[in-house]
N, C-alpha and C. Protein backbone atom coordinates (compact mmCIF):
# COMPACT_ATOMS: atom_id res chain seq x y z
N MET A 1 3.69 9.57 19.12
CA MET A 1 4.45 8.34 19.14
C MET A 1 3.76 7.29 20.00
N ALA A 2 3.24 7.70 21.15
CA ALA A 2 2.56 6.76 22.04
C ALA A 2 1.33 6.18 21.38
N GLY A 3 0.66 6.99 20.53
CA GLY A 3 -0.52 6.51 19.82
C GLY A 3 -0.16 5.42 18.83
N VAL A 4 0.97 5.59 18.13
CA VAL A 4 1.42 4.59 17.16
C VAL A 4 1.75 3.28 17.87
N VAL A 5 2.43 3.37 19.01
CA VAL A 5 2.78 2.17 19.78
C VAL A 5 1.53 1.46 20.27
N ALA A 6 0.54 2.22 20.72
CA ALA A 6 -0.70 1.63 21.21
C ALA A 6 -1.44 0.92 20.08
N VAL A 7 -1.50 1.55 18.90
CA VAL A 7 -2.15 0.93 17.75
C VAL A 7 -1.42 -0.34 17.35
N ALA A 8 -0.08 -0.29 17.35
CA ALA A 8 0.72 -1.46 16.98
C ALA A 8 0.49 -2.61 17.96
N ALA A 9 0.50 -2.31 19.25
CA ALA A 9 0.29 -3.35 20.26
C ALA A 9 -1.10 -3.94 20.14
N GLU A 10 -2.10 -3.09 19.88
CA GLU A 10 -3.47 -3.57 19.75
C GLU A 10 -3.62 -4.47 18.54
N SER A 11 -2.98 -4.10 17.40
CA SER A 11 -3.12 -4.91 16.19
C SER A 11 -2.42 -6.25 16.33
N LEU A 12 -1.28 -6.28 17.04
CA LEU A 12 -0.58 -7.55 17.23
C LEU A 12 -1.32 -8.44 18.22
N ALA A 13 -1.97 -7.85 19.21
CA ALA A 13 -2.68 -8.63 20.20
C ALA A 13 -3.95 -9.23 19.63
N GLY A 14 -4.55 -8.56 18.65
CA GLY A 14 -5.80 -9.04 18.07
C GLY A 14 -5.63 -10.38 17.38
N GLY A 15 -4.56 -10.53 16.58
CA GLY A 15 -4.27 -11.79 15.94
C GLY A 15 -5.24 -12.17 14.84
N ARG A 16 -6.12 -11.28 14.38
CA ARG A 16 -7.02 -11.62 13.29
C ARG A 16 -6.90 -10.60 12.18
N ALA A 17 -7.38 -10.95 11.02
CA ALA A 17 -7.25 -10.08 9.86
C ALA A 17 -8.13 -8.85 10.02
N GLN A 18 -7.64 -7.72 9.52
CA GLN A 18 -8.39 -6.47 9.55
C GLN A 18 -8.75 -6.10 8.12
N ALA A 19 -9.85 -5.38 7.96
CA ALA A 19 -10.22 -4.88 6.64
C ALA A 19 -9.22 -3.81 6.21
N ALA A 20 -8.72 -3.92 4.99
CA ALA A 20 -7.68 -3.01 4.51
C ALA A 20 -8.15 -1.56 4.53
N ARG A 21 -9.40 -1.31 4.18
CA ARG A 21 -9.85 0.09 4.12
C ARG A 21 -10.00 0.73 5.49
N THR A 22 -10.07 -0.08 6.55
CA THR A 22 -10.16 0.50 7.90
C THR A 22 -8.79 0.93 8.42
N VAL A 23 -7.71 0.44 7.83
CA VAL A 23 -6.37 0.81 8.28
C VAL A 23 -5.61 1.64 7.24
N LEU A 24 -6.31 2.16 6.24
CA LEU A 24 -5.65 3.02 5.25
C LEU A 24 -5.05 4.23 5.95
N ASP A 25 -3.85 4.61 5.55
CA ASP A 25 -3.10 5.73 6.11
C ASP A 25 -2.75 5.54 7.58
N GLN A 26 -2.84 4.31 8.07
CA GLN A 26 -2.40 4.00 9.44
C GLN A 26 -1.17 3.11 9.36
N VAL A 27 -0.44 3.03 10.45
CA VAL A 27 0.77 2.22 10.50
C VAL A 27 0.40 0.74 10.56
N VAL A 28 1.02 -0.05 9.67
CA VAL A 28 0.86 -1.50 9.69
C VAL A 28 2.23 -2.12 9.96
N LEU A 29 2.24 -3.30 10.57
CA LEU A 29 3.48 -3.96 10.96
C LEU A 29 3.61 -5.30 10.25
N PRO A 30 4.84 -5.76 10.05
CA PRO A 30 5.03 -7.07 9.42
C PRO A 30 4.31 -8.17 10.19
N GLY A 31 3.65 -9.05 9.44
CA GLY A 31 2.92 -10.15 10.05
C GLY A 31 1.42 -9.92 10.13
N GLU A 32 0.97 -8.67 9.96
CA GLU A 32 -0.47 -8.40 9.99
C GLU A 32 -1.12 -8.94 8.73
N GLU A 33 -2.37 -9.38 8.85
CA GLU A 33 -3.14 -9.86 7.72
C GLU A 33 -4.23 -8.86 7.40
N LEU A 34 -4.50 -8.67 6.10
CA LEU A 34 -5.50 -7.69 5.68
C LEU A 34 -6.56 -8.35 4.82
N LEU A 35 -7.80 -7.87 4.98
CA LEU A 35 -8.92 -8.28 4.13
C LEU A 35 -9.16 -7.21 3.09
N LEU A 36 -9.42 -7.61 1.87
CA LEU A 36 -9.77 -6.66 0.82
C LEU A 36 -11.28 -6.48 0.81
N PRO A 37 -11.79 -5.37 0.25
CA PRO A 37 -13.23 -5.10 0.30
C PRO A 37 -14.11 -6.23 -0.21
N GLU A 38 -13.72 -6.93 -1.26
CA GLU A 38 -14.57 -7.99 -1.80
C GLU A 38 -14.60 -9.23 -0.91
N GLN A 39 -13.69 -9.34 0.07
CA GLN A 39 -13.69 -10.48 0.99
C GLN A 39 -14.46 -10.19 2.28
N GLU A 40 -14.88 -8.97 2.48
CA GLU A 40 -15.60 -8.64 3.71
C GLU A 40 -17.03 -9.16 3.64
N ASP A 41 -17.56 -9.54 4.76
CA ASP A 41 -18.96 -9.97 4.82
C ASP A 41 -19.89 -8.77 4.70
N ALA A 42 -21.16 -9.02 4.58
CA ALA A 42 -22.15 -7.95 4.48
C ALA A 42 -22.19 -7.08 5.72
N GLU A 43 -21.68 -7.59 6.84
CA GLU A 43 -21.65 -6.80 8.07
C GLU A 43 -20.73 -5.61 7.96
N GLY A 44 -19.79 -5.65 7.03
CA GLY A 44 -18.89 -4.53 6.84
C GLY A 44 -17.62 -4.69 7.65
N PRO A 45 -16.70 -3.73 7.48
CA PRO A 45 -15.42 -3.81 8.19
C PRO A 45 -15.61 -3.73 9.69
N GLY A 46 -14.81 -4.50 10.40
CA GLY A 46 -14.88 -4.48 11.85
C GLY A 46 -15.96 -5.36 12.42
N GLY A 47 -16.80 -5.95 11.56
CA GLY A 47 -17.86 -6.83 12.04
C GLY A 47 -17.30 -8.15 12.51
N THR A 48 -18.14 -8.93 13.16
CA THR A 48 -17.66 -10.21 13.70
C THR A 48 -17.53 -11.26 12.61
N GLY A 49 -18.10 -11.03 11.45
CA GLY A 49 -18.07 -12.03 10.39
C GLY A 49 -16.90 -11.93 9.44
N GLU A 50 -15.92 -11.09 9.72
CA GLU A 50 -14.77 -10.97 8.83
C GLU A 50 -13.99 -12.28 8.81
N ARG A 51 -13.45 -12.59 7.63
CA ARG A 51 -12.64 -13.79 7.50
C ARG A 51 -11.41 -13.45 6.68
N PRO A 52 -10.34 -14.24 6.77
CA PRO A 52 -9.12 -13.94 6.02
C PRO A 52 -9.36 -13.94 4.52
N LEU A 53 -8.49 -13.25 3.80
CA LEU A 53 -8.57 -13.13 2.36
C LEU A 53 -8.51 -14.49 1.69
N ARG A 54 -9.47 -14.79 0.82
CA ARG A 54 -9.49 -16.03 0.05
C ARG A 54 -9.28 -15.68 -1.41
N LEU A 55 -8.16 -16.12 -1.97
CA LEU A 55 -7.87 -15.79 -3.36
C LEU A 55 -8.66 -16.66 -4.33
N ASN A 56 -9.04 -17.87 -3.94
CA ASN A 56 -9.82 -18.75 -4.81
C ASN A 56 -11.29 -18.67 -4.39
N ALA A 57 -11.87 -17.53 -4.46
CA ALA A 57 -13.19 -17.30 -3.87
C ALA A 57 -14.34 -17.74 -4.78
N GLY A 58 -14.19 -18.78 -5.54
CA GLY A 58 -15.30 -19.36 -6.29
C GLY A 58 -15.77 -18.52 -7.45
N VAL A 59 -17.11 -18.42 -7.57
CA VAL A 59 -17.73 -17.83 -8.75
C VAL A 59 -17.83 -16.32 -8.71
N ARG A 60 -17.48 -15.71 -7.64
CA ARG A 60 -17.59 -14.27 -7.49
C ARG A 60 -16.83 -13.54 -8.60
N ALA A 61 -17.34 -12.39 -9.03
CA ALA A 61 -16.65 -11.60 -10.05
C ALA A 61 -15.27 -11.22 -9.53
N ARG A 62 -14.27 -11.39 -10.39
CA ARG A 62 -12.89 -11.10 -9.96
C ARG A 62 -12.59 -9.62 -10.10
N VAL A 63 -12.06 -9.05 -9.04
CA VAL A 63 -11.60 -7.68 -9.05
C VAL A 63 -10.09 -7.74 -8.92
N ARG A 64 -9.37 -7.09 -9.84
CA ARG A 64 -7.91 -7.16 -9.82
C ARG A 64 -7.36 -6.17 -8.81
N VAL A 65 -6.71 -6.70 -7.80
CA VAL A 65 -6.06 -5.89 -6.79
C VAL A 65 -4.57 -6.17 -6.86
N VAL A 66 -3.77 -5.11 -6.98
CA VAL A 66 -2.33 -5.26 -7.08
C VAL A 66 -1.70 -5.01 -5.72
N CYS A 67 -0.78 -5.89 -5.33
CA CYS A 67 -0.03 -5.74 -4.08
C CYS A 67 1.30 -5.08 -4.40
N GLY A 68 1.52 -3.91 -3.87
CA GLY A 68 2.76 -3.20 -4.09
C GLY A 68 3.81 -3.55 -3.05
N PRO A 69 4.86 -2.74 -2.96
CA PRO A 69 5.93 -3.00 -1.99
C PRO A 69 5.41 -3.05 -0.56
N GLY A 70 5.91 -4.02 0.19
CA GLY A 70 5.52 -4.15 1.59
C GLY A 70 4.35 -5.08 1.82
N LEU A 71 3.75 -5.60 0.75
CA LEU A 71 2.62 -6.53 0.87
C LEU A 71 2.92 -7.77 0.04
N ARG A 72 2.46 -8.92 0.50
CA ARG A 72 2.68 -10.17 -0.23
C ARG A 72 1.47 -11.07 -0.06
N ARG A 73 1.12 -11.76 -1.13
CA ARG A 73 0.07 -12.78 -1.03
C ARG A 73 0.75 -14.07 -0.64
N CYS A 74 0.36 -14.60 0.47
CA CYS A 74 0.95 -15.83 1.00
C CYS A 74 -0.17 -16.84 1.14
N GLY A 75 -0.23 -17.79 0.20
CA GLY A 75 -1.34 -18.74 0.20
C GLY A 75 -2.62 -18.01 -0.14
N ASP A 76 -3.56 -18.00 0.78
CA ASP A 76 -4.83 -17.32 0.53
C ASP A 76 -4.96 -16.05 1.37
N ARG A 77 -3.84 -15.45 1.77
CA ARG A 77 -3.87 -14.26 2.63
C ARG A 77 -3.02 -13.14 2.05
N LEU A 78 -3.36 -11.92 2.42
CA LEU A 78 -2.57 -10.74 2.08
C LEU A 78 -1.80 -10.38 3.34
N LEU A 79 -0.46 -10.45 3.26
CA LEU A 79 0.39 -10.33 4.43
C LEU A 79 1.26 -9.08 4.34
N VAL A 80 1.35 -8.33 5.43
CA VAL A 80 2.22 -7.15 5.48
C VAL A 80 3.64 -7.64 5.75
N THR A 81 4.62 -7.18 4.93
CA THR A 81 6.01 -7.62 5.09
C THR A 81 6.94 -6.49 5.48
N LYS A 82 6.44 -5.26 5.54
CA LYS A 82 7.28 -4.11 5.84
C LYS A 82 6.49 -3.13 6.71
N CYS A 83 7.17 -2.49 7.64
CA CYS A 83 6.53 -1.52 8.53
C CYS A 83 6.34 -0.19 7.80
N GLY A 84 5.17 0.42 7.95
CA GLY A 84 4.91 1.72 7.35
C GLY A 84 3.42 2.00 7.29
N ARG A 85 3.04 3.02 6.52
CA ARG A 85 1.63 3.39 6.37
C ARG A 85 1.03 2.69 5.16
N LEU A 86 -0.17 2.12 5.35
CA LEU A 86 -0.86 1.46 4.25
C LEU A 86 -1.48 2.51 3.34
N ARG A 87 -1.18 2.42 2.06
CA ARG A 87 -1.69 3.37 1.07
C ARG A 87 -2.52 2.62 0.03
N TYR A 88 -3.39 3.37 -0.66
CA TYR A 88 -4.25 2.80 -1.70
C TYR A 88 -4.43 3.80 -2.82
N LYS A 89 -4.41 3.32 -4.06
CA LYS A 89 -4.66 4.17 -5.21
C LYS A 89 -5.77 3.55 -6.04
N GLU A 90 -6.80 4.36 -6.33
CA GLU A 90 -7.92 3.92 -7.15
C GLU A 90 -7.43 3.64 -8.57
N PRO A 91 -7.97 2.61 -9.21
CA PRO A 91 -7.58 2.35 -10.60
C PRO A 91 -8.29 3.32 -11.54
N GLY A 92 -7.73 3.49 -12.72
CA GLY A 92 -8.34 4.39 -13.70
C GLY A 92 -9.60 3.81 -14.32
N GLY A 93 -9.62 2.49 -14.59
CA GLY A 93 -10.73 1.87 -15.31
C GLY A 93 -11.71 1.12 -14.44
N GLY A 94 -11.83 1.43 -13.18
CA GLY A 94 -12.80 0.79 -12.29
C GLY A 94 -12.32 -0.56 -11.77
N GLY A 95 -12.80 -0.94 -10.59
CA GLY A 95 -12.51 -2.23 -9.98
C GLY A 95 -11.06 -2.42 -9.59
N GLY A 96 -10.83 -2.89 -8.39
CA GLY A 96 -9.47 -3.23 -7.96
C GLY A 96 -8.74 -2.07 -7.34
N GLY A 97 -7.52 -1.84 -7.81
CA GLY A 97 -6.69 -0.78 -7.26
C GLY A 97 -5.35 -1.34 -6.81
N VAL A 98 -4.54 -0.47 -6.24
CA VAL A 98 -3.20 -0.85 -5.80
C VAL A 98 -3.07 -0.52 -4.31
N TYR A 99 -2.66 -1.51 -3.53
CA TYR A 99 -2.34 -1.32 -2.12
C TYR A 99 -0.83 -1.45 -1.97
N TRP A 100 -0.22 -0.62 -1.12
CA TRP A 100 1.21 -0.73 -0.83
C TRP A 100 1.48 -0.14 0.54
N VAL A 101 2.67 -0.44 1.06
CA VAL A 101 3.10 0.09 2.35
C VAL A 101 4.16 1.15 2.08
N ASP A 102 3.88 2.36 2.52
CA ASP A 102 4.77 3.50 2.33
C ASP A 102 5.66 3.61 3.56
N SER A 103 6.98 3.52 3.35
CA SER A 103 7.90 3.61 4.49
C SER A 103 9.08 4.49 4.14
N GLN A 104 9.90 4.77 5.11
CA GLN A 104 11.05 5.63 4.93
C GLN A 104 12.31 4.84 4.59
N GLN A 105 12.15 3.60 4.21
CA GLN A 105 13.29 2.75 3.90
C GLN A 105 13.96 3.24 2.62
N LYS A 106 15.24 3.48 2.67
CA LYS A 106 15.98 4.01 1.52
C LYS A 106 16.74 2.93 0.77
N ARG A 107 17.08 1.83 1.44
CA ARG A 107 17.91 0.82 0.82
C ARG A 107 17.13 -0.48 0.64
N TYR A 108 17.44 -1.20 -0.43
CA TYR A 108 16.80 -2.48 -0.69
C TYR A 108 17.29 -3.51 0.32
N VAL A 109 16.37 -4.22 0.94
CA VAL A 109 16.70 -5.29 1.86
C VAL A 109 16.19 -6.58 1.23
N PRO A 110 17.11 -7.45 0.77
CA PRO A 110 16.68 -8.68 0.10
C PRO A 110 15.88 -9.59 1.02
N VAL A 111 14.87 -10.24 0.44
CA VAL A 111 14.03 -11.18 1.16
C VAL A 111 13.96 -12.45 0.32
N LYS A 112 14.03 -13.61 0.98
CA LYS A 112 13.97 -14.88 0.27
C LYS A 112 12.70 -14.93 -0.57
N GLY A 113 12.83 -15.29 -1.83
CA GLY A 113 11.69 -15.38 -2.73
C GLY A 113 11.55 -14.18 -3.65
N ASP A 114 12.31 -13.12 -3.43
CA ASP A 114 12.27 -11.95 -4.31
C ASP A 114 12.88 -12.30 -5.67
N HIS A 115 12.30 -11.75 -6.73
CA HIS A 115 12.88 -11.87 -8.06
C HIS A 115 13.81 -10.68 -8.24
N VAL A 116 15.10 -10.96 -8.50
CA VAL A 116 16.08 -9.89 -8.57
C VAL A 116 16.97 -10.06 -9.80
N ILE A 117 17.64 -8.99 -10.16
CA ILE A 117 18.68 -9.02 -11.17
C ILE A 117 19.97 -8.69 -10.46
N GLY A 118 21.01 -9.49 -10.69
CA GLY A 118 22.26 -9.27 -9.98
C GLY A 118 23.46 -9.50 -10.86
N ILE A 119 24.63 -9.21 -10.31
CA ILE A 119 25.90 -9.37 -11.01
C ILE A 119 26.70 -10.44 -10.28
N VAL A 120 27.11 -11.47 -11.02
CA VAL A 120 27.94 -12.52 -10.43
C VAL A 120 29.32 -11.93 -10.16
N THR A 121 29.73 -11.95 -8.90
CA THR A 121 31.01 -11.34 -8.53
C THR A 121 32.09 -12.37 -8.25
N ALA A 122 31.72 -13.59 -7.89
CA ALA A 122 32.71 -14.63 -7.60
C ALA A 122 32.08 -16.00 -7.73
N LYS A 123 32.95 -17.00 -7.98
CA LYS A 123 32.51 -18.39 -8.03
C LYS A 123 33.35 -19.18 -7.05
N SER A 124 32.69 -19.98 -6.22
CA SER A 124 33.40 -20.78 -5.23
C SER A 124 32.79 -22.18 -5.26
N GLY A 125 33.40 -23.11 -5.99
CA GLY A 125 32.87 -24.47 -6.12
C GLY A 125 31.57 -24.46 -6.89
N ASP A 126 30.51 -24.92 -6.26
CA ASP A 126 29.19 -24.97 -6.90
C ASP A 126 28.34 -23.75 -6.57
N ILE A 127 28.90 -22.78 -5.89
CA ILE A 127 28.15 -21.60 -5.44
C ILE A 127 28.66 -20.35 -6.13
N PHE A 128 27.74 -19.49 -6.55
CA PHE A 128 28.08 -18.19 -7.12
C PHE A 128 27.72 -17.12 -6.10
N LYS A 129 28.58 -16.13 -5.95
CA LYS A 129 28.28 -14.95 -5.13
C LYS A 129 27.73 -13.90 -6.08
N VAL A 130 26.54 -13.36 -5.75
CA VAL A 130 25.84 -12.45 -6.63
C VAL A 130 25.54 -11.15 -5.89
N ASP A 131 25.89 -10.02 -6.50
CA ASP A 131 25.57 -8.70 -5.94
C ASP A 131 24.18 -8.31 -6.40
N VAL A 132 23.22 -8.24 -5.46
CA VAL A 132 21.84 -7.88 -5.79
C VAL A 132 21.48 -6.50 -5.25
N GLY A 133 22.47 -5.77 -4.74
CA GLY A 133 22.22 -4.42 -4.24
C GLY A 133 21.94 -4.37 -2.76
N GLY A 134 22.08 -5.49 -2.04
CA GLY A 134 21.86 -5.51 -0.60
C GLY A 134 23.17 -5.27 0.13
N SER A 135 23.13 -5.42 1.44
CA SER A 135 24.32 -5.19 2.25
C SER A 135 25.31 -6.35 2.15
N GLU A 136 24.85 -7.53 1.80
CA GLU A 136 25.67 -8.72 1.65
C GLU A 136 25.42 -9.34 0.28
N PRO A 137 26.42 -10.01 -0.29
CA PRO A 137 26.16 -10.69 -1.56
C PRO A 137 25.28 -11.92 -1.34
N ALA A 138 24.49 -12.25 -2.35
CA ALA A 138 23.64 -13.44 -2.28
C ALA A 138 24.44 -14.65 -2.72
N SER A 139 24.11 -15.82 -2.19
CA SER A 139 24.73 -17.07 -2.62
C SER A 139 23.72 -17.81 -3.47
N LEU A 140 24.18 -18.28 -4.63
CA LEU A 140 23.29 -18.92 -5.59
C LEU A 140 23.93 -20.20 -6.08
N SER A 141 23.21 -21.30 -5.99
CA SER A 141 23.70 -22.57 -6.50
C SER A 141 23.69 -22.53 -8.02
N TYR A 142 24.59 -23.29 -8.67
CA TYR A 142 24.60 -23.32 -10.13
C TYR A 142 23.32 -23.92 -10.67
N LEU A 143 22.61 -24.74 -9.87
CA LEU A 143 21.35 -25.34 -10.31
C LEU A 143 20.20 -24.33 -10.35
N ALA A 144 20.41 -23.13 -9.80
CA ALA A 144 19.36 -22.11 -9.79
C ALA A 144 19.24 -21.41 -11.14
N PHE A 145 20.22 -21.58 -12.01
CA PHE A 145 20.18 -20.93 -13.32
C PHE A 145 19.25 -21.69 -14.26
N GLU A 146 18.61 -20.95 -15.16
CA GLU A 146 17.68 -21.53 -16.10
C GLU A 146 18.38 -22.55 -16.99
N GLY A 147 17.80 -23.74 -17.09
CA GLY A 147 18.33 -24.79 -17.96
C GLY A 147 19.51 -25.53 -17.38
N ALA A 148 19.94 -25.22 -16.17
CA ALA A 148 21.10 -25.89 -15.58
C ALA A 148 20.69 -27.22 -14.97
N THR A 149 21.53 -28.23 -15.18
CA THR A 149 21.36 -29.54 -14.56
C THR A 149 22.71 -29.97 -14.01
N LYS A 150 22.77 -31.14 -13.38
CA LYS A 150 24.06 -31.62 -12.88
C LYS A 150 25.02 -31.91 -14.02
N ARG A 151 24.49 -32.31 -15.17
CA ARG A 151 25.32 -32.58 -16.34
C ARG A 151 25.61 -31.31 -17.13
N ASN A 152 24.65 -30.41 -17.17
CA ASN A 152 24.75 -29.20 -17.98
C ASN A 152 24.93 -27.99 -17.07
N ARG A 153 26.16 -27.71 -16.68
CA ARG A 153 26.43 -26.59 -15.78
C ARG A 153 26.41 -25.28 -16.57
N PRO A 154 25.95 -24.19 -15.95
CA PRO A 154 25.94 -22.90 -16.65
C PRO A 154 27.37 -22.36 -16.82
N ASN A 155 27.61 -21.70 -17.94
CA ASN A 155 28.91 -21.07 -18.19
C ASN A 155 28.79 -19.60 -17.81
N VAL A 156 29.01 -19.31 -16.53
CA VAL A 156 28.87 -17.95 -16.01
C VAL A 156 30.23 -17.46 -15.55
N GLN A 157 30.61 -16.30 -16.03
CA GLN A 157 31.88 -15.71 -15.63
C GLN A 157 31.61 -14.62 -14.57
N ALA A 158 32.49 -14.56 -13.59
CA ALA A 158 32.37 -13.50 -12.58
C ALA A 158 32.72 -12.17 -13.21
N ALA A 159 32.07 -11.11 -12.77
CA ALA A 159 32.33 -9.78 -13.30
C ALA A 159 33.78 -9.42 -13.06
N GLY A 160 34.44 -8.91 -14.11
CA GLY A 160 35.83 -8.51 -13.97
C GLY A 160 36.80 -9.61 -14.34
N SER A 161 36.36 -10.87 -14.45
CA SER A 161 37.30 -11.94 -14.84
C SER A 161 37.32 -12.09 -16.35
N ARG A 162 38.40 -12.58 -16.88
CA ARG A 162 38.56 -12.72 -18.33
C ARG A 162 38.77 -14.18 -18.67
N LEU A 163 38.41 -14.53 -19.91
CA LEU A 163 38.60 -15.91 -20.39
C LEU A 163 40.02 -16.21 -20.71
């Protein structure tokens, strides 16, 4: 346990992006930035020439890397959003692969910006209460629905209500 705390404190104190392959199977914390292999300089991981992940990296051959649960691309960076161990799976057809954060979290915790499917449970004025499987219902404006405008309001019924 003390080793995990020391690694966590060291990674937060560093404040710079780490190469993803150097922290595979190690604990990563929310807010850490990771470099993918194609973004590393010729010096290799841990060298002084590492720079943050650039998604618009010019003419370089594109390698498809998939970000699984616990990781998010934010602008031109790969950002850890959940605490756990960083995992990687090689692709079947070469190039790329899948990175994700493996954690013991059992329940879905909604995060702003997630794409979800939910059930409208109540309507209160211009706001709909939506059950997305979290601990609290989500609040959704009527303008958030596809094709909705101030003139063209969506016709959404709350679950359990009848016409």
